[in-house]
């Protein structure tokens, strides 16, 4: 399965926060981006394990998102 992940740099934490919009509450973080990627991968696996253990099926939502920035 593939999931879209939003990585945001947090200047107070001095690292990245990762959020998976398709999985409510599934978030993680890491100081370098590589660590954030590995941590969110583990968080997704854990999320899916808990869903399966409780008999909840996951209906992946198809969709395309674009995140960008605009300078003003």
PDB file of N, CA and C in Angstrom:
ATOM      1  N   UNK A   1       0.850  -1.179   0.000  1.00  0.00           N
ATOM      2  CA  UNK A   1       0.000   0.000   0.000  1.00  0.00           C
ATOM      3  C   UNK A   1       0.892   1.238   0.000  1.00  0.00           C
ATOM      4  N   UNK A   2       0.387   2.278  -0.610  1.00  0.00           N
ATOM      5  CA  UNK A   2       1.095   3.546  -0.641  1.00  0.00           C
ATOM      6  C   UNK A   2       0.228   4.600   0.031  1.00  0.00           C
ATOM      7  N   UNK A   3       0.866   5.452   0.791  1.00  0.00           N
ATOM      8  CA  UNK A   3       0.171   6.520   1.486  1.00  0.00           C
ATOM      9  C   UNK A   3       0.885   7.842   1.232  1.00  0.00           C
ATOM     10  N   UNK A   4       0.092   8.891   1.086  1.00  0.00           N
ATOM     11  CA  UNK A   4       0.675  10.219   0.992  1.00  0.00           C
ATOM     12  C   UNK A   4       1.057  10.661   2.396  1.00  0.00           C
ATOM     13  N   UNK A   5       2.230  11.260   2.514  1.00  0.00           N
ATOM     14  CA  UNK A   5       2.726  11.740   3.800  1.00  0.00           C
ATOM     15  C   UNK A   5       3.115  13.208   3.628  1.00  0.00           C
ATOM     16  N   UNK A   6       2.704  14.014   4.584  1.00  0.00           N
ATOM     17  CA  UNK A   6       3.071  15.424   4.570  1.00  0.00           C
ATOM     18  C   UNK A   6       4.186  15.614   5.602  1.00  0.00           C
ATOM     19  N   UNK A   7       5.325  16.105   5.141  1.00  0.00           N
ATOM     20  CA  UNK A   7       6.459  16.386   6.012  1.00  0.00           C
ATOM     21  C   UNK A   7       6.547  17.898   6.186  1.00  0.00           C
ATOM     22  N   UNK A   8       6.577  18.334   7.431  1.00  0.00           N
ATOM     23  CA  UNK A   8       6.665  19.753   7.743  1.00  0.00           C
ATOM     24  C   UNK A   8       7.859  19.964   8.669  1.00  0.00           C
ATOM     25  N   UNK A   9       8.685  20.948   8.340  1.00  0.00           N
ATOM     26  CA  UNK A   9       9.820  21.248   9.208  1.00  0.00           C
ATOM     27  C   UNK A   9       9.332  22.082  10.383  1.00  0.00           C
ATOM     28  N   UNK A  10       9.682  21.655  11.591  1.00  0.00           N
ATOM     29  CA  UNK A  10       9.306  22.363  12.814  1.00  0.00           C
ATOM     30  C   UNK A  10      10.572  23.005  13.379  1.00  0.00           C
ATOM     31  N   UNK A  11      10.632  24.335  13.336  1.00  0.00           N
ATOM     32  CA  UNK A  11      11.842  25.038  13.757  1.00  0.00           C
ATOM     33  C   UNK A  11      12.092  24.939  15.259  1.00  0.00           C
ATOM     34  N   UNK A  12      11.046  24.805  16.061  1.00  0.00           N
ATOM     35  CA  UNK A  12      11.240  24.627  17.503  1.00  0.00           C
ATOM     36  C   UNK A  12      11.836  23.252  17.803  1.00  0.00           C
ATOM     37  N   UNK A  13      11.319  22.239  17.146  1.00  0.00           N
ATOM     38  CA  UNK A  13      11.807  20.869  17.322  1.00  0.00           C
ATOM     39  C   UNK A  13      13.139  20.677  16.586  1.00  0.00           C
ATOM     40  N   UNK A  14      13.343  21.486  15.558  1.00  0.00           N
ATOM     41  CA  UNK A  14      14.520  21.390  14.682  1.00  0.00           C
ATOM     42  C   UNK A  14      14.553  20.034  13.977  1.00  0.00           C
ATOM     43  N   UNK A  15      13.376  19.636  13.519  1.00  0.00           N
ATOM     44  CA  UNK A  15      13.239  18.382  12.805  1.00  0.00           C
ATOM     45  C   UNK A  15      11.938  18.379  12.032  1.00  0.00           C
ATOM     46  N   UNK A  16      11.580  17.229  11.515  1.00  0.00           N
ATOM     47  CA  UNK A  16      10.412  17.093  10.654  1.00  0.00           C
ATOM     48  C   UNK A  16       9.276  16.359  11.362  1.00  0.00           C
ATOM     49  N   UNK A  17       8.073  16.840  11.113  1.00  0.00           N
ATOM     50  CA  UNK A  17       6.857  16.185  11.588  1.00  0.00           C
ATOM     51  C   UNK A  17       6.205  15.566  10.359  1.00  0.00           C
ATOM     52  N   UNK A  18       5.812  14.311  10.464  1.00  0.00           N
ATOM     53  CA  UNK A  18       5.198  13.583   9.355  1.00  0.00           C
ATOM     54  C   UNK A  18       3.759  13.251   9.707  1.00  0.00           C
ATOM     55  N   UNK A  19       2.847  13.512   8.774  1.00  0.00           N
ATOM     56  CA  UNK A  19       1.417  13.277   8.982  1.00  0.00           C
ATOM     57  C   UNK A  19       0.871  12.509   7.789  1.00  0.00           C
ATOM     58  N   UNK A  20       0.029  11.516   8.072  1.00  0.00           N
ATOM     59  CA  UNK A  20      -0.594  10.711   7.009  1.00  0.00           C
ATOM     60  C   UNK A  20      -2.076  11.065   6.980  1.00  0.00           C
ATOM     61  N   UNK A  21      -2.509  11.924   6.051  1.00  0.00           N
ATOM     62  CA  UNK A  21      -3.905  12.363   6.032  1.00  0.00           C
ATOM     63  C   UNK A  21      -4.924  11.227   5.904  1.00  0.00           C
ATOM     64  N   UNK A  22      -4.561  10.147   5.234  1.00  0.00           N
ATOM     65  CA  UNK A  22      -5.497   9.027   5.040  1.00  0.00           C
ATOM     66  C   UNK A  22      -5.700   8.197   6.312  1.00  0.00           C
ATOM     67  N   UNK A  23      -4.810   8.389   7.289  1.00  0.00           N
ATOM     68  CA  UNK A  23      -4.875   7.615   8.531  1.00  0.00           C
ATOM     69  C   UNK A  23      -4.962   8.601   9.698  1.00  0.00           C
ATOM     70  N   UNK A  24      -6.159   8.961  10.107  1.00  0.00           N
ATOM     71  CA  UNK A  24      -6.328   9.971  11.159  1.00  0.00           C
ATOM     72  C   UNK A  24      -5.530   9.660  12.420  1.00  0.00           C
ATOM     73  N   UNK A  25      -4.729  10.622  12.845  1.00  0.00           N
ATOM     74  CA  UNK A  25      -3.932  10.470  14.048  1.00  0.00           C
ATOM     75  C   UNK A  25      -2.588   9.797  13.837  1.00  0.00           C
ATOM     76  N   UNK A  26      -2.298   9.365  12.628  1.00  0.00           N
ATOM     77  CA  UNK A  26      -1.028   8.693  12.349  1.00  0.00           C
ATOM     78  C   UNK A  26       0.019   9.755  12.022  1.00  0.00           C
ATOM     79  N   UNK A  27       0.886   9.995  13.001  1.00  0.00           N
ATOM     80  CA  UNK A  27       1.923  11.010  12.860  1.00  0.00           C
ATOM     81  C   UNK A  27       3.215  10.496  13.485  1.00  0.00           C
ATOM     82  N   UNK A  28       4.315  11.099  13.092  1.00  0.00           N
ATOM     83  CA  UNK A  28       5.597  10.798  13.693  1.00  0.00           C
ATOM     84  C   UNK A  28       6.521  11.977  13.447  1.00  0.00           C
ATOM     85  N   UNK A  29       7.788  11.830  13.836  1.00  0.00           N
ATOM     86  CA  UNK A  29       8.749  12.908  13.646  1.00  0.00           C
ATOM     87  C   UNK A  29      10.153  12.350  13.581  1.00  0.00           C
ATOM     88  N   UNK A  30      11.078  13.197  13.197  1.00  0.00           N
ATOM     89  CA  UNK A  30      12.485  12.813  13.170  1.00  0.00           C
ATOM     90  C   UNK A  30      13.337  14.041  12.927  1.00  0.00           C
ATOM     91  N   UNK A  31      14.509  14.069  13.511  1.00  0.00           N
ATOM     92  CA  UNK A  31      15.384  15.248  13.363  1.00  0.00           C
ATOM     93  C   UNK A  31      15.905  15.352  11.928  1.00  0.00           C
ATOM     94  N   UNK A  32      16.604  14.362  11.398  1.00  0.00           N
ATOM     95  CA  UNK A  32      16.862  14.452   9.957  1.00  0.00           C
ATOM     96  C   UNK A  32      15.661  13.862   9.212  1.00  0.00           C
ATOM     97  N   UNK A  33      15.481  14.244   7.981  1.00  0.00           N
ATOM     98  CA  UNK A  33      14.357  13.773   7.180  1.00  0.00           C
ATOM     99  C   UNK A  33      14.360  12.249   7.046  1.00  0.00           C
ATOM    100  N   UNK A  34      15.529  11.653   6.894  1.00  0.00           N
ATOM    101  CA  UNK A  34      15.604  10.188   6.774  1.00  0.00           C
ATOM    102  C   UNK A  34      15.003   9.489   7.991  1.00  0.00           C
ATOM    103  N   UNK A  35      15.258  10.038   9.170  1.00  0.00           N
ATOM    104  CA  UNK A  35      14.698   9.463  10.398  1.00  0.00           C
ATOM    105  C   UNK A  35      13.181   9.632  10.424  1.00  0.00           C
ATOM    106  N   UNK A  36      12.687  10.788   9.986  1.00  0.00           N
ATOM    107  CA  UNK A  36      11.242  11.021   9.941  1.00  0.00           C
ATOM    108  C   UNK A  36      10.573  10.034   8.987  1.00  0.00           C
ATOM    109  N   UNK A  37      11.221   9.756   7.873  1.00  0.00           N
ATOM    110  CA  UNK A  37      10.669   8.805   6.898  1.00  0.00           C
ATOM    111  C   UNK A  37      10.591   7.407   7.506  1.00  0.00           C
ATOM    112  N   UNK A  38      11.660   6.980   8.141  1.00  0.00           N
ATOM    113  CA  UNK A  38      11.660   5.648   8.757  1.00  0.00           C
ATOM    114  C   UNK A  38      10.639   5.565   9.889  1.00  0.00           C
ATOM    115  N   UNK A  39      10.545   6.613  10.694  1.00  0.00           N
ATOM    116  CA  UNK A  39       9.602   6.613  11.817  1.00  0.00           C
ATOM    117  C   UNK A  39       8.155   6.591  11.349  1.00  0.00           C
ATOM    118  N   UNK A  40       7.829   7.321  10.276  1.00  0.00           N
ATOM    119  CA  UNK A  40       6.444   7.331   9.796  1.00  0.00           C
ATOM    120  C   UNK A  40       6.110   5.979   9.153  1.00  0.00           C
ATOM    121  N   UNK A  41       7.096   5.354   8.547  1.00  0.00           N
ATOM    122  CA  UNK A  41       6.876   4.010   7.989  1.00  0.00           C
ATOM    123  C   UNK A  41       6.493   3.050   9.112  1.00  0.00           C
ATOM    124  N   UNK A  42       7.212   3.120  10.235  1.00  0.00           N
ATOM    125  CA  UNK A  42       6.896   2.271  11.388  1.00  0.00           C
ATOM    126  C   UNK A  42       5.525   2.621  11.966  1.00  0.00           C
ATOM    127  N   UNK A  43       5.197   3.916  12.012  1.00  0.00           N
ATOM    128  CA  UNK A  43       3.901   4.347  12.542  1.00  0.00           C
ATOM    129  C   UNK A  43       2.756   3.831  11.664  1.00  0.00           C
ATOM    130  N   UNK A  44       2.942   3.855  10.367  1.00  0.00           N
ATOM    131  CA  UNK A  44       1.913   3.353   9.441  1.00  0.00           C
ATOM    132  C   UNK A  44       1.715   1.855   9.659  1.00  0.00           C
ATOM    133  N   UNK A  45       2.815   1.115   9.759  1.00  0.00           N
ATOM    134  CA  UNK A  45       2.711  -0.331   9.995  1.00  0.00           C
ATOM    135  C   UNK A  45       1.965  -0.610  11.297  1.00  0.00           C
ATOM    136  N   UNK A  46       2.287   0.146  12.341  1.00  0.00           N
ATOM    137  CA  UNK A  46       1.606  -0.022  13.623  1.00  0.00           C
ATOM    138  C   UNK A  46       0.131   0.313  13.533  1.00  0.00           C
ATOM    139  N   UNK A  47      -0.197   1.384  12.840  1.00  0.00           N
ATOM    140  CA  UNK A  47      -1.584   1.806  12.648  1.00  0.00           C
ATOM    141  C   UNK A  47      -2.372   0.693  11.956  1.00  0.00           C
ATOM    142  N   UNK A  48      -1.803   0.160  10.874  1.00  0.00           N
ATOM    143  CA  UNK A  48      -2.484  -0.895  10.116  1.00  0.00           C
ATOM    144  C   UNK A  48      -2.638  -2.169  10.953  1.00  0.00           C
ATOM    145  N   UNK A  49      -1.634  -2.490  11.757  1.00  0.00           N
ATOM    146  CA  UNK A  49      -1.704  -3.667  12.629  1.00  0.00           C
ATOM    147  C   UNK A  49      -2.857  -3.535  13.618  1.00  0.00           C
ATOM    148  N   UNK A  50      -2.972  -2.375  14.249  1.00  0.00           N
ATOM    149  CA  UNK A  50      -4.042  -2.158  15.226  1.00  0.00           C
ATOM    150  C   UNK A  50      -5.412  -2.222  14.555  1.00  0.00           C
ATOM    151  N   UNK A  51      -5.533  -1.626  13.373  1.00  0.00           N
ATOM    152  CA  UNK A  51      -6.805  -1.672  12.650  1.00  0.00           C
ATOM    153  C   UNK A  51      -7.203  -3.122  12.364  1.00  0.00           C
ATOM    154  N   UNK A  52      -6.229  -3.903  11.906  1.00  0.00           N
ATOM    155  CA  UNK A  52      -6.502  -5.310  11.586  1.00  0.00           C
ATOM    156  C   UNK A  52      -6.855  -6.096  12.850  1.00  0.00           C
ATOM    157  N   UNK A  53      -6.131  -5.846  13.926  1.00  0.00           N
ATOM    158  CA  UNK A  53      -6.366  -6.559  15.178  1.00  0.00           C
ATOM    159  C   UNK A  53      -7.776  -6.301  15.712  1.00  0.00           C
ATOM    160  N   UNK A  54      -8.313  -5.116  15.465  1.00  0.00           N
ATOM    161  CA  UNK A  54      -9.659  -4.766  15.924  1.00  0.00           C
ATOM    162  C   UNK A  54     -10.726  -5.045  14.859  1.00  0.00           C
ATOM    163  N   UNK A  55     -10.333  -5.726  13.794  1.00  0.00           N
ATOM    164  CA  UNK A  55     -11.286  -6.125  12.773  1.00  0.00           C
ATOM    165  C   UNK A  55     -11.794  -4.997  11.899  1.00  0.00           C
ATOM    166  N   UNK A  56     -11.053  -3.913  11.853  1.00  0.00           N
ATOM    167  CA  UNK A  56     -11.460  -2.774  11.011  1.00  0.00           C
ATOM    168  C   UNK A  56     -10.738  -2.853   9.679  1.00  0.00           C
ATOM    169  N   UNK A  57     -11.507  -2.812   8.620  1.00  0.00           N
ATOM    170  CA  UNK A  57     -10.877  -2.823   7.305  1.00  0.00           C
ATOM    171  C   UNK A  57     -10.546  -1.386   6.906  1.00  0.00           C
ATOM    172  N   UNK A  58      -9.466  -1.270   6.202  1.00  0.00           N
ATOM    173  CA  UNK A  58      -9.024   0.048   5.748  1.00  0.00           C
ATOM    174  C   UNK A  58      -9.387   0.201   4.289  1.00  0.00           C
ATOM    175  N   UNK A  59     -10.157   1.212   4.009  1.00  0.00           N
ATOM    176  CA  UNK A  59     -10.533   1.519   2.640  1.00  0.00           C
ATOM    177  C   UNK A  59      -9.635   2.651   2.158  1.00  0.00           C
ATOM    178  N   UNK A  60      -8.566   2.325   1.434  1.00  0.00           N
ATOM    179  CA  UNK A  60      -7.683   3.394   0.975  1.00  0.00           C
ATOM    180  C   UNK A  60      -8.422   4.373   0.085  1.00  0.00           C
ATOM    181  N   UNK A  61      -8.228   5.634   0.337  1.00  0.00           N
ATOM    182  CA  UNK A  61      -8.860   6.669  -0.469  1.00  0.00           C
ATOM    183  C   UNK A  61      -7.930   7.050  -1.600  1.00  0.00           C
ATOM    184  N   UNK A  62      -8.420   6.896  -2.786  1.00  0.00           N
ATOM    185  CA  UNK A  62      -7.640   7.302  -3.949  1.00  0.00           C
ATOM    186  C   UNK A  62      -7.742   8.808  -4.093  1.00  0.00           C
ATOM    187  N   UNK A  63      -6.688   9.394  -4.491  1.00  0.00           N
ATOM    188  CA  UNK A  63      -6.729  10.837  -4.687  1.00  0.00           C
ATOM    189  C   UNK A  63      -5.338  11.375  -4.905  1.00  0.00           C
ATOM    190  N   UNK A  64      -5.303  12.534  -5.433  1.00  0.00           N
ATOM    191  CA  UNK A  64      -4.045  13.199  -5.675  1.00  0.00           C
ATOM    192  C   UNK A  64      -4.047  14.498  -4.913  1.00  0.00           C
ATOM    193  N   UNK A  65      -2.970  14.757  -4.250  1.00  0.00           N
ATOM    194  CA  UNK A  65      -2.833  16.016  -3.521  1.00  0.00           C
ATOM    195  C   UNK A  65      -1.589  16.715  -3.997  1.00  0.00           C
ATOM    196  N   UNK A  66      -1.638  18.013  -3.985  1.00  0.00           N
ATOM    197  CA  UNK A  66      -0.476  18.800  -4.311  1.00  0.00           C
ATOM    198  C   UNK A  66      -0.266  19.791  -3.195  1.00  0.00           C
ATOM    199  N   UNK A  67       0.918  19.787  -2.655  1.00  0.00           N
ATOM    200  CA  UNK A  67       1.249  20.746  -1.618  1.00  0.00           C
ATOM    201  C   UNK A  67       2.381  21.604  -2.150  1.00  0.00           C
ATOM    202  N   UNK A  68       2.170  22.870  -2.118  1.00  0.00           N
ATOM    203  CA  UNK A  68       3.190  23.790  -2.604  1.00  0.00           C
ATOM    204  C   UNK A  68       3.231  25.009  -1.706  1.00  0.00           C
ATOM    205  N   UNK A  69       3.984  25.971  -2.124  1.00  0.00           N
ATOM    206  CA  UNK A  69       4.029  27.223  -1.377  1.00  0.00           C
ATOM    207  C   UNK A  69       4.003  28.381  -2.340  1.00  0.00           C
ATOM    208  N   UNK A  70       3.520  29.485  -1.869  1.00  0.00           N
ATOM    209  CA  UNK A  70       3.401  30.686  -2.677  1.00  0.00           C
ATOM    210  C   UNK A  70       4.077  31.819  -1.920  1.00  0.00           C
ATOM    211  N   UNK A  71       5.007  32.498  -2.560  1.00  0.00           N
ATOM    212  CA  UNK A  71       5.668  33.641  -1.934  1.00  0.00           C
ATOM    213  C   UNK A  71       4.873  34.896  -2.253  1.00  0.00           C
ATOM    214  N   UNK A  72       4.708  35.742  -1.264  1.00  0.00           N
ATOM    215  CA  UNK A  72       3.965  36.987  -1.468  1.00  0.00           C
ATOM    216  C   UNK A  72       4.865  38.153  -1.125  1.00  0.00           C
TER     217      UNK A  72
END
